[in-house]
Amino acid sequence: MAITIPITGEYITLAQLLKSENIIESGGQAKYYLADHAVELNGVSEQRRGKKLYPGDQVTIGADVYQIEAGHFSKEQLQEKAEQQAILRKYQPSSRNNKQPKGPASWS
């Protein structure tokens, strides 16, 4: 029986999966964990901690099987995400309006 992993974005990385399932404590441990343990992605051995896992992928770690699935969002969650993105866009610096000189000539 596979353990279902719902993801909120387009993908997660293998290191994020290991961390979310408390297999490792920090992302930095992923490299060493993958070097010492057998991990398979869709039946193929995988050792890249940054490997992107998409909905439909199946990851086998030891005897455990993880099935990556797209998470389902409520109307409120979708609205909150849209509001967060709007705020980020509003406060993101615009490169068009930045008239400060750049480069070595402006350093003196």
C-alpha atoms as a PDB file:
ATOM      1  CA  MET A   1       0.000   0.000   0.000  1.00  0.00           C
ATOM      2  CA  ALA A   2       1.487   3.321  -1.062  1.00  0.00           C
ATOM      3  CA  ILE A   3       1.635   6.350   1.208  1.00  0.00           C
ATOM      4  CA  THR A   4      -0.035   9.293  -0.543  1.00  0.00           C
ATOM      5  CA  ILE A   5       1.906  12.564  -0.587  1.00  0.00           C
ATOM      6  CA  PRO A   6      -0.266  15.518  -1.690  1.00  0.00           C
ATOM      7  CA  ILE A   7       1.764  18.434  -3.057  1.00  0.00           C
ATOM      8  CA  THR A   8       0.640  22.041  -3.284  1.00  0.00           C
ATOM      9  CA  GLY A   9       2.838  23.155  -6.160  1.00  0.00           C
ATOM     10  CA  GLU A  10       3.747  21.792  -9.544  1.00  0.00           C
ATOM     11  CA  TYR A  11       6.440  19.552  -8.052  1.00  0.00           C
ATOM     12  CA  ILE A  12       8.556  18.863  -4.960  1.00  0.00           C
ATOM     13  CA  THR A  13      12.170  17.756  -4.829  1.00  0.00           C
ATOM     14  CA  LEU A  14      13.359  14.424  -3.526  1.00  0.00           C
ATOM     15  CA  ALA A  15      15.053  16.219  -0.604  1.00  0.00           C
ATOM     16  CA  GLN A  16      11.755  17.919   0.289  1.00  0.00           C
ATOM     17  CA  LEU A  17      10.019  14.532   0.322  1.00  0.00           C
ATOM     18  CA  LEU A  18      12.670  13.054   2.607  1.00  0.00           C
ATOM     19  CA  LYS A  19      12.389  16.014   4.972  1.00  0.00           C
ATOM     20  CA  SER A  20       8.570  16.118   4.988  1.00  0.00           C
ATOM     21  CA  GLU A  21       8.416  12.427   5.880  1.00  0.00           C
ATOM     22  CA  ASN A  22      10.951  12.928   8.718  1.00  0.00           C
ATOM     23  CA  ILE A  23      13.421  10.566   7.081  1.00  0.00           C
ATOM     24  CA  ILE A  24      16.062  13.294   7.386  1.00  0.00           C
ATOM     25  CA  GLU A  25      16.140  16.325   9.684  1.00  0.00           C
ATOM     26  CA  SER A  26      17.501  18.908   7.248  1.00  0.00           C
ATOM     27  CA  GLY A  27      17.875  19.318   3.515  1.00  0.00           C
ATOM     28  CA  GLY A  28      21.658  19.146   3.843  1.00  0.00           C
ATOM     29  CA  GLN A  29      21.436  15.527   4.982  1.00  0.00           C
ATOM     30  CA  ALA A  30      19.719  14.447   1.757  1.00  0.00           C
ATOM     31  CA  LYS A  31      22.961  14.054  -0.193  1.00  0.00           C
ATOM     32  CA  TYR A  32      24.421  11.684   2.395  1.00  0.00           C
ATOM     33  CA  TYR A  33      21.176   9.772   2.882  1.00  0.00           C
ATOM     34  CA  LEU A  34      20.837   9.157  -0.855  1.00  0.00           C
ATOM     35  CA  ALA A  35      24.463   7.988  -1.058  1.00  0.00           C
ATOM     36  CA  ASP A  36      23.898   5.416   1.703  1.00  0.00           C
ATOM     37  CA  HIS A  37      20.335   4.202   1.002  1.00  0.00           C
ATOM     38  CA  ALA A  38      18.534   2.725  -1.989  1.00  0.00           C
ATOM     39  CA  VAL A  39      15.897   5.106  -3.361  1.00  0.00           C
ATOM     40  CA  GLU A  40      13.921   4.403  -6.529  1.00  0.00           C
ATOM     41  CA  LEU A  41      11.826   6.793  -8.594  1.00  0.00           C
ATOM     42  CA  ASN A  42       9.337   4.958 -10.802  1.00  0.00           C
ATOM     43  CA  GLY A  43      11.445   1.796 -10.510  1.00  0.00           C
ATOM     44  CA  VAL A  44      14.778   3.471 -11.400  1.00  0.00           C
ATOM     45  CA  SER A  45      17.538   4.144  -8.867  1.00  0.00           C
ATOM     46  CA  GLU A  46      17.749   7.856  -8.024  1.00  0.00           C
ATOM     47  CA  GLN A  47      20.459   9.711  -6.081  1.00  0.00           C
ATOM     48  CA  ARG A  48      19.853  13.358  -7.047  1.00  0.00           C
ATOM     49  CA  ARG A  49      18.446  15.274  -4.086  1.00  0.00           C
ATOM     50  CA  GLY A  50      17.103  17.994  -6.396  1.00  0.00           C
ATOM     51  CA  LYS A  51      15.192  15.573  -8.630  1.00  0.00           C
ATOM     52  CA  LYS A  52      11.728  16.990  -9.238  1.00  0.00           C
ATOM     53  CA  LEU A  53       8.824  14.752  -8.273  1.00  0.00           C
ATOM     54  CA  TYR A  54       5.557  15.346 -10.101  1.00  0.00           C
ATOM     55  CA  PRO A  55       2.033  14.037  -9.457  1.00  0.00           C
ATOM     56  CA  GLY A  56       1.896  10.408 -10.568  1.00  0.00           C
ATOM     57  CA  ASP A  57       5.502   9.637  -9.586  1.00  0.00           C
ATOM     58  CA  GLN A  58       6.162   6.741  -7.240  1.00  0.00           C
ATOM     59  CA  VAL A  59       9.140   6.792  -4.865  1.00  0.00           C
ATOM     60  CA  THR A  60      10.366   3.667  -3.076  1.00  0.00           C
ATOM     61  CA  ILE A  61      12.528   4.165   0.012  1.00  0.00           C
ATOM     62  CA  GLY A  62      13.385   0.858   1.640  1.00  0.00           C
ATOM     63  CA  ALA A  63      10.088  -0.975   2.152  1.00  0.00           C
ATOM     64  CA  ASP A  64       7.990   2.211   1.971  1.00  0.00           C
ATOM     65  CA  VAL A  65       6.319   3.357  -1.248  1.00  0.00           C
ATOM     66  CA  TYR A  66       5.249   6.995  -1.665  1.00  0.00           C
ATOM     67  CA  GLN A  67       2.767   8.112  -4.320  1.00  0.00           C
ATOM     68  CA  ILE A  68       2.987  11.797  -5.300  1.00  0.00           C
ATOM     69  CA  GLU A  69      -0.432  13.350  -5.940  1.00  0.00           C
ATOM     70  CA  ALA A  70      -1.679  16.850  -6.678  1.00  0.00           C
ATOM     71  CA  GLY A  71      -3.256  18.446  -3.625  1.00  0.00           C
ATOM     72  CA  HIS A  72      -6.794  19.751  -3.829  1.00  0.00           C
ATOM     73  CA  PHE A  73      -7.429  23.283  -2.636  1.00  0.00           C
ATOM     74  CA  SER A  74     -10.517  24.830  -1.143  1.00  0.00           C
ATOM     75  CA  LYS A  75     -11.873  28.090  -2.520  1.00  0.00           C
ATOM     76  CA  GLU A  76     -10.450  29.935   0.503  1.00  0.00           C
ATOM     77  CA  GLN A  77      -6.982  28.462  -0.012  1.00  0.00           C
ATOM     78  CA  LEU A  78      -6.961  29.475  -3.677  1.00  0.00           C
ATOM     79  CA  GLN A  79      -8.099  32.998  -2.787  1.00  0.00           C
ATOM     80  CA  GLU A  80      -5.426  33.325  -0.089  1.00  0.00           C
ATOM     81  CA  LYS A  81      -2.726  32.185  -2.518  1.00  0.00           C
ATOM     82  CA  ALA A  82      -3.896  34.731  -5.111  1.00  0.00           C
ATOM     83  CA  GLU A  83      -3.796  37.492  -2.474  1.00  0.00           C
ATOM     84  CA  GLN A  84      -0.267  36.523  -1.451  1.00  0.00           C
ATOM     85  CA  GLN A  85       0.912  36.621  -5.065  1.00  0.00           C
ATOM     86  CA  ALA A  86      -0.709  40.043  -5.563  1.00  0.00           C
ATOM     87  CA  ILE A  87       1.092  41.397  -2.499  1.00  0.00           C
ATOM     88  CA  LEU A  88       4.409  39.994  -3.710  1.00  0.00           C
ATOM     89  CA  ARG A  89       3.935  41.586  -7.143  1.00  0.00           C
ATOM     90  CA  LYS A  90       3.047  44.923  -5.550  1.00  0.00           C
ATOM     91  CA  TYR A  91       6.214  45.089  -3.463  1.00  0.00           C
ATOM     92  CA  GLN A  92       8.564  43.500  -5.966  1.00  0.00           C
ATOM     93  CA  PRO A  93      11.159  46.050  -7.091  1.00  0.00           C
ATOM     94  CA  SER A  94      10.753  47.159 -10.668  1.00  0.00           C
ATOM     95  CA  SER A  95      13.918  47.217 -12.762  1.00  0.00           C
ATOM     96  CA  ARG A  96      12.380  49.723 -15.216  1.00  0.00           C
ATOM     97  CA  ASN A  97      12.106  52.488 -12.617  1.00  0.00           C
ATOM     98  CA  ASN A  98      15.529  51.900 -11.118  1.00  0.00           C
ATOM     99  CA  LYS A  99      17.698  54.718 -12.476  1.00  0.00           C
ATOM    100  CA  GLN A 100      20.677  54.112 -10.235  1.00  0.00           C
ATOM    101  CA  PRO A 101      23.908  53.579 -12.169  1.00  0.00           C
ATOM    102  CA  LYS A 102      25.358  50.097 -12.182  1.00  0.00           C
ATOM    103  CA  GLY A 103      28.859  48.857 -12.765  1.00  0.00           C
ATOM    104  CA  PRO A 104      32.443  49.941 -12.044  1.00  0.00           C
ATOM    105  CA  ALA A 105      32.061  53.483 -13.437  1.00  0.00           C
ATOM    106  CA  SER A 106      29.556  54.329 -10.698  1.00  0.00           C
ATOM    107  CA  TRP A 107      31.667  52.943  -7.854  1.00  0.00           C
ATOM    108  CA  SER A 108      34.002  55.957  -7.530  1.00  0.00           C
END
